[in-house]
Amino acid sequence: MRAIDLTNVTWRKSSYSNPDGGNCIEIAPNIPTLVPVRDSKNPAHGTLVFGTDTWAEFVNSVKTQ
């Protein structure tokens, strides 16, 4: 797998985030075919990268719970 340069992406915090920090994620939504995801409290600890179809399936699954 090739490395993905995420140094210049714009991260967006979850709309469920609160001012106290909480357990939240951030995504970088403007990369074609990929959705990088990281922990908003520990962004330097790594990033998970999902395909857009896989991410959409995950989000739809969570919405139905």
PDB file of N, CA and C in Angstrom:
ATOM      1  N   MET A   1       0.849  -1.175   0.000  1.00  0.00           N
ATOM      2  CA  MET A   1       0.000   0.000   0.000  1.00  0.00           C
ATOM      3  C   MET A   1       0.891   1.234   0.000  1.00  0.00           C
ATOM      4  N   ARG A   2       0.524   2.210  -0.755  1.00  0.00           N
ATOM      5  CA  ARG A   2       1.324   3.431  -0.826  1.00  0.00           C
ATOM      6  C   ARG A   2       0.951   4.380   0.312  1.00  0.00           C
ATOM      7  N   ALA A   3       1.901   5.219   0.686  1.00  0.00           N
ATOM      8  CA  ALA A   3       1.658   6.206   1.747  1.00  0.00           C
ATOM      9  C   ALA A   3       0.784   7.330   1.195  1.00  0.00           C
ATOM     10  N   ILE A   4      -0.044   7.875   2.048  1.00  0.00           N
ATOM     11  CA  ILE A   4      -0.933   8.971   1.671  1.00  0.00           C
ATOM     12  C   ILE A   4      -0.510  10.204   2.451  1.00  0.00           C
ATOM     13  N   ASP A   5      -0.223  11.274   1.743  1.00  0.00           N
ATOM     14  CA  ASP A   5       0.199  12.517   2.385  1.00  0.00           C
ATOM     15  C   ASP A   5      -1.033  13.261   2.894  1.00  0.00           C
ATOM     16  N   LEU A   6      -1.161  13.360   4.210  1.00  0.00           N
ATOM     17  CA  LEU A   6      -2.316  14.034   4.820  1.00  0.00           C
ATOM     18  C   LEU A   6      -1.919  15.349   5.482  1.00  0.00           C
ATOM     19  N   THR A   7      -0.731  15.867   5.169  1.00  0.00           N
ATOM     20  CA  THR A   7      -0.255  17.079   5.844  1.00  0.00           C
ATOM     21  C   THR A   7      -1.063  18.321   5.514  1.00  0.00           C
ATOM     22  N   ASN A   8      -1.677  18.377   4.341  1.00  0.00           N
ATOM     23  CA  ASN A   8      -2.405  19.580   3.952  1.00  0.00           C
ATOM     24  C   ASN A   8      -3.917  19.409   3.882  1.00  0.00           C
ATOM     25  N   VAL A   9      -4.431  18.324   4.457  1.00  0.00           N
ATOM     26  CA  VAL A   9      -5.883  18.128   4.414  1.00  0.00           C
ATOM     27  C   VAL A   9      -6.563  18.981   5.484  1.00  0.00           C
ATOM     28  N   THR A  10      -7.806  19.282   5.261  1.00  0.00           N
ATOM     29  CA  THR A  10      -8.615  20.004   6.234  1.00  0.00           C
ATOM     30  C   THR A  10      -9.454  18.990   6.989  1.00  0.00           C
ATOM     31  N   TRP A  11      -9.267  18.954   8.313  1.00  0.00           N
ATOM     32  CA  TRP A  11      -9.994  18.011   9.151  1.00  0.00           C
ATOM     33  C   TRP A  11     -11.285  18.642   9.634  1.00  0.00           C
ATOM     34  N   ARG A  12     -12.325  17.837   9.723  1.00  0.00           N
ATOM     35  CA  ARG A  12     -13.634  18.288  10.219  1.00  0.00           C
ATOM     36  C   ARG A  12     -14.015  17.414  11.397  1.00  0.00           C
ATOM     37  N   LYS A  13     -14.318  18.069  12.516  1.00  0.00           N
ATOM     38  CA  LYS A  13     -14.698  17.343  13.729  1.00  0.00           C
ATOM     39  C   LYS A  13     -16.158  16.915  13.647  1.00  0.00           C
ATOM     40  N   SER A  14     -16.463  15.835  14.292  1.00  0.00           N
ATOM     41  CA  SER A  14     -17.823  15.320  14.330  1.00  0.00           C
ATOM     42  C   SER A  14     -18.802  16.379  14.831  1.00  0.00           C
ATOM     43  N   SER A  15     -19.986  16.406  14.254  1.00  0.00           N
ATOM     44  CA  SER A  15     -21.015  17.349  14.699  1.00  0.00           C
ATOM     45  C   SER A  15     -21.523  17.005  16.092  1.00  0.00           C
ATOM     46  N   TYR A  16     -21.205  15.807  16.582  1.00  0.00           N
ATOM     47  CA  TYR A  16     -21.601  15.407  17.929  1.00  0.00           C
ATOM     48  C   TYR A  16     -20.562  15.793  18.979  1.00  0.00           C
ATOM     49  N   SER A  17     -19.501  16.439  18.549  1.00  0.00           N
ATOM     50  CA  SER A  17     -18.452  16.867  19.466  1.00  0.00           C
ATOM     51  C   SER A  17     -18.978  17.971  20.369  1.00  0.00           C
ATOM     52  N   ASN A  18     -18.399  18.062  21.564  1.00  0.00           N
ATOM     53  CA  ASN A  18     -18.794  19.138  22.461  1.00  0.00           C
ATOM     54  C   ASN A  18     -17.556  19.921  22.888  1.00  0.00           C
ATOM     55  N   PRO A  19     -17.727  21.085  23.489  1.00  0.00           N
ATOM     56  CA  PRO A  19     -16.580  21.917  23.869  1.00  0.00           C
ATOM     57  C   PRO A  19     -15.637  21.260  24.874  1.00  0.00           C
ATOM     58  N   ASP A  20     -16.104  20.252  25.615  1.00  0.00           N
ATOM     59  CA  ASP A  20     -15.270  19.581  26.606  1.00  0.00           C
ATOM     60  C   ASP A  20     -14.340  18.539  25.996  1.00  0.00           C
ATOM     61  N   GLY A  21     -14.399  18.348  24.706  1.00  0.00           N
ATOM     62  CA  GLY A  21     -13.545  17.352  24.050  1.00  0.00           C
ATOM     63  C   GLY A  21     -14.288  16.071  23.796  1.00  0.00           C
ATOM     64  N   GLY A  22     -14.627  15.353  24.828  1.00  0.00           N
ATOM     65  CA  GLY A  22     -15.384  14.110  24.675  1.00  0.00           C
ATOM     66  C   GLY A  22     -14.664  13.105  23.803  1.00  0.00           C
ATOM     67  N   ASN A  23     -15.358  12.049  23.454  1.00  0.00           N
ATOM     68  CA  ASN A  23     -14.824  11.024  22.570  1.00  0.00           C
ATOM     69  C   ASN A  23     -15.276  11.312  21.156  1.00  0.00           C
ATOM     70  N   CYS A  24     -14.432  11.975  20.394  1.00  0.00           N
ATOM     71  CA  CYS A  24     -14.841  12.416  19.057  1.00  0.00           C
ATOM     72  C   CYS A  24     -13.826  12.009  18.004  1.00  0.00           C
ATOM     73  N   ILE A  25     -14.294  12.012  16.785  1.00  0.00           N
ATOM     74  CA  ILE A  25     -13.413  11.745  15.657  1.00  0.00           C
ATOM     75  C   ILE A  25     -13.392  12.953  14.739  1.00  0.00           C
ATOM     76  N   GLU A  26     -12.388  12.976  13.886  1.00  0.00           N
ATOM     77  CA  GLU A  26     -12.291  13.963  12.820  1.00  0.00           C
ATOM     78  C   GLU A  26     -12.129  13.197  11.521  1.00  0.00           C
ATOM     79  N   ILE A  27     -12.692  13.765  10.455  1.00  0.00           N
ATOM     80  CA  ILE A  27     -12.504  13.183   9.133  1.00  0.00           C
ATOM     81  C   ILE A  27     -11.989  14.262   8.190  1.00  0.00           C
ATOM     82  N   ALA A  28     -11.337  13.828   7.134  1.00  0.00           N
ATOM     83  CA  ALA A  28     -10.910  14.720   6.063  1.00  0.00           C
ATOM     84  C   ALA A  28     -11.754  14.346   4.842  1.00  0.00           C
ATOM     85  N   PRO A  29     -12.879  15.040   4.645  1.00  0.00           N
ATOM     86  CA  PRO A  29     -13.870  14.592   3.674  1.00  0.00           C
ATOM     87  C   PRO A  29     -13.603  14.932   2.209  1.00  0.00           C
ATOM     88  N   ASN A  30     -12.564  15.681   1.894  1.00  0.00           N
ATOM     89  CA  ASN A  30     -12.398  16.157   0.520  1.00  0.00           C
ATOM     90  C   ASN A  30     -11.320  15.430  -0.271  1.00  0.00           C
ATOM     91  N   ILE A  31     -11.118  14.150   0.012  1.00  0.00           N
ATOM     92  CA  ILE A  31     -10.162  13.359  -0.742  1.00  0.00           C
ATOM     93  C   ILE A  31     -10.951  12.352  -1.570  1.00  0.00           C
ATOM     94  N   PRO A  32     -10.836  12.422  -2.893  1.00  0.00           N
ATOM     95  CA  PRO A  32     -11.595  11.484  -3.736  1.00  0.00           C
ATOM     96  C   PRO A  32     -11.255  10.029  -3.413  1.00  0.00           C
ATOM     97  N   THR A  33     -12.264   9.240  -3.241  1.00  0.00           N
ATOM     98  CA  THR A  33     -12.228   7.789  -3.003  1.00  0.00           C
ATOM     99  C   THR A  33     -11.741   7.374  -1.620  1.00  0.00           C
ATOM    100  N   LEU A  34     -11.299   8.308  -0.766  1.00  0.00           N
ATOM    101  CA  LEU A  34     -10.797   7.964   0.561  1.00  0.00           C
ATOM    102  C   LEU A  34     -11.404   8.847   1.646  1.00  0.00           C
ATOM    103  N   VAL A  35     -11.544   8.287   2.854  1.00  0.00           N
ATOM    104  CA  VAL A  35     -11.983   9.055   4.022  1.00  0.00           C
ATOM    105  C   VAL A  35     -11.011   8.758   5.166  1.00  0.00           C
ATOM    106  N   PRO A  36     -10.065   9.666   5.416  1.00  0.00           N
ATOM    107  CA  PRO A  36      -9.182   9.521   6.571  1.00  0.00           C
ATOM    108  C   PRO A  36      -9.938   9.858   7.854  1.00  0.00           C
ATOM    109  N   VAL A  37      -9.698   9.081   8.912  1.00  0.00           N
ATOM    110  CA  VAL A  37     -10.384   9.251  10.190  1.00  0.00           C
ATOM    111  C   VAL A  37      -9.337   9.217  11.295  1.00  0.00           C
ATOM    112  N   ARG A  38      -9.458  10.141  12.260  1.00  0.00           N
ATOM    113  CA  ARG A  38      -8.522  10.152  13.390  1.00  0.00           C
ATOM    114  C   ARG A  38      -9.238  10.558  14.667  1.00  0.00           C
ATOM    115  N   ASP A  39      -8.611  10.284  15.792  1.00  0.00           N
ATOM    116  CA  ASP A  39      -9.112  10.660  17.112  1.00  0.00           C
ATOM    117  C   ASP A  39      -8.840  12.149  17.311  1.00  0.00           C
ATOM    118  N   SER A  40      -9.866  12.931  17.582  1.00  0.00           N
ATOM    119  CA  SER A  40      -9.685  14.373  17.716  1.00  0.00           C
ATOM    120  C   SER A  40      -8.841  14.759  18.932  1.00  0.00           C
ATOM    121  N   LYS A  41      -8.798  13.911  19.946  1.00  0.00           N
ATOM    122  CA  LYS A  41      -8.002  14.215  21.141  1.00  0.00           C
ATOM    123  C   LYS A  41      -6.538  13.843  20.961  1.00  0.00           C
ATOM    124  N   ASN A  42      -6.269  12.896  20.078  1.00  0.00           N
ATOM    125  CA  ASN A  42      -4.905  12.405  19.849  1.00  0.00           C
ATOM    126  C   ASN A  42      -4.611  12.300  18.356  1.00  0.00           C
ATOM    127  N   PRO A  43      -4.643  13.396  17.630  1.00  0.00           N
ATOM    128  CA  PRO A  43      -4.473  13.313  16.173  1.00  0.00           C
ATOM    129  C   PRO A  43      -3.121  12.774  15.725  1.00  0.00           C
ATOM    130  N   ALA A  44      -2.101  12.898  16.545  1.00  0.00           N
ATOM    131  CA  ALA A  44      -0.773  12.411  16.168  1.00  0.00           C
ATOM    132  C   ALA A  44      -0.631  10.897  16.337  1.00  0.00           C
ATOM    133  N   HIS A  45      -1.618  10.251  16.928  1.00  0.00           N
ATOM    134  CA  HIS A  45      -1.535   8.809  17.192  1.00  0.00           C
ATOM    135  C   HIS A  45      -1.901   7.946  16.002  1.00  0.00           C
ATOM    136  N   GLY A  46      -2.171   8.543  14.880  1.00  0.00           N
ATOM    137  CA  GLY A  46      -2.432   7.751  13.680  1.00  0.00           C
ATOM    138  C   GLY A  46      -3.770   8.044  13.049  1.00  0.00           C
ATOM    139  N   THR A  47      -3.898   7.578  11.840  1.00  0.00           N
ATOM    140  CA  THR A  47      -5.091   7.805  11.036  1.00  0.00           C
ATOM    141  C   THR A  47      -5.508   6.488  10.393  1.00  0.00           C
ATOM    142  N   LEU A  48      -6.795   6.232  10.395  1.00  0.00           N
ATOM    143  CA  LEU A  48      -7.353   5.108   9.651  1.00  0.00           C
ATOM    144  C   LEU A  48      -7.894   5.668   8.341  1.00  0.00           C
ATOM    145  N   VAL A  49      -7.690   4.964   7.252  1.00  0.00           N
ATOM    146  CA  VAL A  49      -8.165   5.433   5.954  1.00  0.00           C
ATOM    147  C   VAL A  49      -9.115   4.394   5.372  1.00  0.00           C
ATOM    148  N   PHE A  50     -10.319   4.843   5.071  1.00  0.00           N
ATOM    149  CA  PHE A  50     -11.362   3.970   4.522  1.00  0.00           C
ATOM    150  C   PHE A  50     -11.687   4.398   3.095  1.00  0.00           C
ATOM    151  N   GLY A  51     -12.112   3.459   2.287  1.00  0.00           N
ATOM    152  CA  GLY A  51     -12.671   3.798   0.984  1.00  0.00           C
ATOM    153  C   GLY A  51     -14.015   4.489   1.200  1.00  0.00           C
ATOM    154  N   THR A  52     -14.405   5.354   0.277  1.00  0.00           N
ATOM    155  CA  THR A  52     -15.657   6.107   0.456  1.00  0.00           C
ATOM    156  C   THR A  52     -16.871   5.184   0.554  1.00  0.00           C
ATOM    157  N   ASP A  53     -16.888   4.097  -0.218  1.00  0.00           N
ATOM    158  CA  ASP A  53     -18.019   3.159  -0.148  1.00  0.00           C
ATOM    159  C   ASP A  53     -18.094   2.480   1.211  1.00  0.00           C
ATOM    160  N   THR A  54     -16.943   2.082   1.734  1.00  0.00           N
ATOM    161  CA  THR A  54     -16.899   1.440   3.051  1.00  0.00           C
ATOM    162  C   THR A  54     -17.327   2.411   4.134  1.00  0.00           C
ATOM    163  N   TRP A  55     -16.870   3.662   4.043  1.00  0.00           N
ATOM    164  CA  TRP A  55     -17.233   4.677   5.032  1.00  0.00           C
ATOM    165  C   TRP A  55     -18.738   4.948   4.992  1.00  0.00           C
ATOM    166  N   ALA A  56     -19.296   5.081   3.799  1.00  0.00           N
ATOM    167  CA  ALA A  56     -20.734   5.336   3.658  1.00  0.00           C
ATOM    168  C   ALA A  56     -21.545   4.178   4.244  1.00  0.00           C
ATOM    169  N   GLU A  57     -21.084   2.952   4.015  1.00  0.00           N
ATOM    170  CA  GLU A  57     -21.764   1.778   4.570  1.00  0.00           C
ATOM    171  C   GLU A  57     -21.724   1.800   6.103  1.00  0.00           C
ATOM    172  N   PHE A  58     -20.563   2.158   6.660  1.00  0.00           N
ATOM    173  CA  PHE A  58     -20.426   2.267   8.117  1.00  0.00           C
ATOM    174  C   PHE A  58     -21.368   3.329   8.679  1.00  0.00           C
ATOM    175  N   VAL A  59     -21.366   4.516   8.086  1.00  0.00           N
ATOM    176  CA  VAL A  59     -22.216   5.616   8.574  1.00  0.00           C
ATOM    177  C   VAL A  59     -23.683   5.226   8.487  1.00  0.00           C
ATOM    178  N   ASN A  60     -24.101   4.635   7.389  1.00  0.00           N
ATOM    179  CA  ASN A  60     -25.497   4.212   7.250  1.00  0.00           C
ATOM    180  C   ASN A  60     -25.862   3.149   8.270  1.00  0.00           C
ATOM    181  N   SER A  61     -24.936   2.251   8.561  1.00  0.00           N
ATOM    182  CA  SER A  61     -25.177   1.219   9.570  1.00  0.00           C
ATOM    183  C   SER A  61     -25.359   1.829  10.948  1.00  0.00           C
ATOM    184  N   VAL A  62     -24.511   2.795  11.288  1.00  0.00           N
ATOM    185  CA  VAL A  62     -24.614   3.447  12.590  1.00  0.00           C
ATOM    186  C   VAL A  62     -25.926   4.223  12.711  1.00  0.00           C
ATOM    187  N   LYS A  63     -26.341   4.861  11.639  1.00  0.00           N
ATOM    188  CA  LYS A  63     -27.588   5.637  11.659  1.00  0.00           C
ATOM    189  C   LYS A  63     -28.797   4.766  11.929  1.00  0.00           C
ATOM    190  N   THR A  64     -28.749   3.503  11.518  1.00  0.00           N
ATOM    191  CA  THR A  64     -29.903   2.619  11.694  1.00  0.00           C
ATOM    192  C   THR A  64     -29.929   1.949  13.058  1.00  0.00           C
ATOM    193  N   GLN A  65     -28.902   2.139  13.866  1.00  0.00           N
ATOM    194  CA  GLN A  65     -28.844   1.523  15.196  1.00  0.00           C
ATOM    195  C   GLN A  65     -29.672   2.278  16.199  1.00  0.00           C
TER     196      GLN A  65
END
